[in-house]
N, C-alpha and C. Protein backbone atom coordinates (compact mmCIF):
# COMPACT_ATOMS: atom_id res chain seq x y z
N MET A 1 0.86 -1.17 0.01
CA MET A 1 0.01 0.04 -0.06
C MET A 1 0.90 1.25 0.07
N ARG A 2 0.53 2.26 -0.67
CA ARG A 2 1.29 3.57 -0.73
C ARG A 2 1.19 4.32 0.56
N ASP A 3 2.08 5.24 0.73
CA ASP A 3 2.21 6.04 1.96
C ASP A 3 0.79 6.92 2.13
N LEU A 4 0.25 7.29 0.96
CA LEU A 4 -0.78 8.25 1.00
C LEU A 4 -2.18 7.52 0.93
N ALA A 5 -2.39 6.90 2.18
CA ALA A 5 -3.73 6.14 2.24
C ALA A 5 -4.40 6.62 3.41
N TYR A 6 -5.74 6.45 3.43
CA TYR A 6 -6.67 6.87 4.44
C TYR A 6 -7.38 5.77 5.21
N LEU A 7 -7.38 5.78 6.47
CA LEU A 7 -7.96 4.75 7.22
C LEU A 7 -9.60 5.10 7.08
N LEU A 8 -10.39 3.97 6.80
CA LEU A 8 -11.80 4.23 6.78
C LEU A 8 -12.33 3.86 8.12
N ASP A 9 -12.29 4.84 8.96
CA ASP A 9 -12.67 4.78 10.39
C ASP A 9 -14.10 4.23 10.51
N GLY A 10 -14.43 3.28 11.30
CA GLY A 10 -15.75 2.86 11.70
C GLY A 10 -16.39 1.90 10.68
N LEU A 11 -15.61 1.42 9.70
CA LEU A 11 -16.07 0.37 8.73
C LEU A 11 -15.52 -0.82 9.12
N ARG A 12 -16.15 -1.98 8.62
CA ARG A 12 -15.80 -3.31 8.86
C ARG A 12 -15.60 -4.10 7.60
N CYS A 13 -14.54 -4.93 7.55
CA CYS A 13 -14.20 -5.73 6.27
C CYS A 13 -15.33 -6.82 6.15
N SER A 14 -15.84 -6.98 5.07
CA SER A 14 -16.97 -7.97 4.83
C SER A 14 -16.38 -9.36 4.73
N ALA A 15 -15.05 -9.47 4.50
CA ALA A 15 -14.40 -10.75 4.34
C ALA A 15 -14.06 -11.32 5.66
N CYS A 16 -13.34 -10.53 6.54
CA CYS A 16 -12.84 -11.16 7.79
C CYS A 16 -13.55 -10.47 9.04
N LEU A 17 -14.43 -9.49 8.75
CA LEU A 17 -15.29 -8.88 9.84
C LEU A 17 -14.39 -8.06 10.77
N SER A 18 -13.21 -7.67 10.47
CA SER A 18 -12.43 -6.80 11.40
C SER A 18 -12.85 -5.44 11.28
N ASP A 19 -12.89 -4.71 12.32
CA ASP A 19 -13.26 -3.27 12.46
C ASP A 19 -11.97 -2.45 12.29
N ASN A 20 -12.22 -1.35 11.58
CA ASN A 20 -11.06 -0.28 11.45
C ASN A 20 -9.84 -0.73 10.80
N THR A 21 -9.90 -1.67 9.82
CA THR A 21 -8.71 -2.14 9.13
C THR A 21 -8.82 -1.85 7.68
N LEU A 22 -9.88 -1.03 7.16
CA LEU A 22 -9.94 -0.72 5.81
C LEU A 22 -9.15 0.60 5.42
N TRP A 23 -8.41 0.49 4.40
CA TRP A 23 -7.59 1.73 3.90
C TRP A 23 -8.04 2.05 2.57
N LEU A 24 -8.08 3.23 2.18
CA LEU A 24 -8.47 3.80 0.93
C LEU A 24 -7.26 4.41 0.38
N ASP A 25 -6.95 3.91 -0.87
CA ASP A 25 -5.82 4.53 -1.63
C ASP A 25 -6.40 5.12 -2.94
N LEU A 26 -6.63 6.48 -2.93
CA LEU A 26 -7.25 7.08 -4.09
C LEU A 26 -6.44 7.02 -5.25
N ALA A 27 -5.17 7.22 -5.17
CA ALA A 27 -4.22 7.16 -6.37
C ALA A 27 -4.27 5.87 -7.11
N ALA A 28 -4.38 4.73 -6.36
CA ALA A 28 -4.49 3.44 -6.96
C ALA A 28 -5.86 2.96 -7.21
N GLY A 29 -6.87 3.67 -6.64
CA GLY A 29 -8.41 3.36 -6.84
C GLY A 29 -8.63 2.00 -6.06
N LEU A 30 -8.12 1.92 -4.89
CA LEU A 30 -8.20 0.61 -4.22
C LEU A 30 -8.66 0.86 -2.67
N VAL A 31 -9.50 -0.10 -2.16
CA VAL A 31 -9.76 -0.19 -0.80
C VAL A 31 -9.30 -1.57 -0.35
N GLU A 32 -8.36 -1.55 0.72
CA GLU A 32 -7.73 -2.74 1.11
C GLU A 32 -7.87 -3.05 2.61
N CYS A 33 -8.11 -4.25 2.98
CA CYS A 33 -8.14 -4.66 4.39
C CYS A 33 -6.67 -4.96 4.84
N ARG A 34 -6.20 -4.27 5.83
CA ARG A 34 -4.92 -4.62 6.36
C ARG A 34 -4.79 -5.85 7.26
N GLU A 35 -6.01 -6.37 7.62
CA GLU A 35 -5.89 -7.58 8.37
C GLU A 35 -5.88 -8.86 7.49
N CYS A 36 -6.82 -8.96 6.44
CA CYS A 36 -6.90 -10.20 5.66
C CYS A 36 -6.31 -10.01 4.20
N GLY A 37 -6.04 -8.69 3.86
CA GLY A 37 -5.46 -8.50 2.57
C GLY A 37 -6.60 -8.39 1.40
N GLN A 38 -7.85 -8.55 1.64
CA GLN A 38 -8.86 -8.56 0.63
C GLN A 38 -8.90 -7.06 0.23
N GLY A 39 -8.98 -6.92 -1.16
CA GLY A 39 -9.04 -5.64 -1.86
C GLY A 39 -10.22 -5.39 -2.78
N ALA A 40 -10.50 -4.28 -3.02
CA ALA A 40 -11.53 -3.93 -3.92
C ALA A 40 -11.21 -2.66 -4.72
N LEU A 41 -11.26 -2.74 -6.06
CA LEU A 41 -11.06 -1.53 -6.93
C LEU A 41 -12.32 -0.59 -6.81
N ILE A 42 -12.03 0.65 -6.82
CA ILE A 42 -13.14 1.69 -6.81
C ILE A 42 -13.08 2.48 -8.06
N ASP A 43 -14.27 2.95 -8.53
CA ASP A 43 -14.45 3.75 -9.66
C ASP A 43 -15.06 5.09 -9.25
N PRO A 44 -14.29 6.14 -8.90
CA PRO A 44 -14.88 7.36 -8.46
C PRO A 44 -15.86 7.96 -9.51
N ASP A 45 -16.90 8.51 -9.03
CA ASP A 45 -17.93 9.09 -9.88
C ASP A 45 -17.43 10.49 -10.27
N HIS A 46 -16.89 10.62 -11.42
CA HIS A 46 -16.28 11.83 -11.85
C HIS A 46 -17.34 12.89 -12.33
N ASP A 47 -18.58 12.43 -12.48
CA ASP A 47 -19.63 13.48 -12.74
C ASP A 47 -19.93 14.39 -11.64
N GLU A 48 -19.73 13.99 -10.35
CA GLU A 48 -19.97 14.87 -9.24
C GLU A 48 -19.07 16.04 -9.08
N GLU A 49 -17.80 15.80 -9.69
CA GLU A 49 -16.81 16.97 -9.72
C GLU A 49 -17.27 18.14 -10.57
N ASP A 50 -18.13 17.84 -11.48
CA ASP A 50 -18.65 19.03 -12.34
C ASP A 50 -19.65 19.85 -11.74
N LEU A 51 -20.17 19.44 -10.60
CA LEU A 51 -21.38 20.15 -9.99
C LEU A 51 -20.80 21.40 -9.31
């Protein structure tokens, strides 16, 4: 994981059910669990930036 990541506080990993272990890396477009390693790619909605 890159240095510029953000803890998603208060959320739980759906794979291992650990609390406060999800990290968001916007540059990579990835949410990853630091406990089990499960990851998910994200697709930010660019339409909202135009508002």
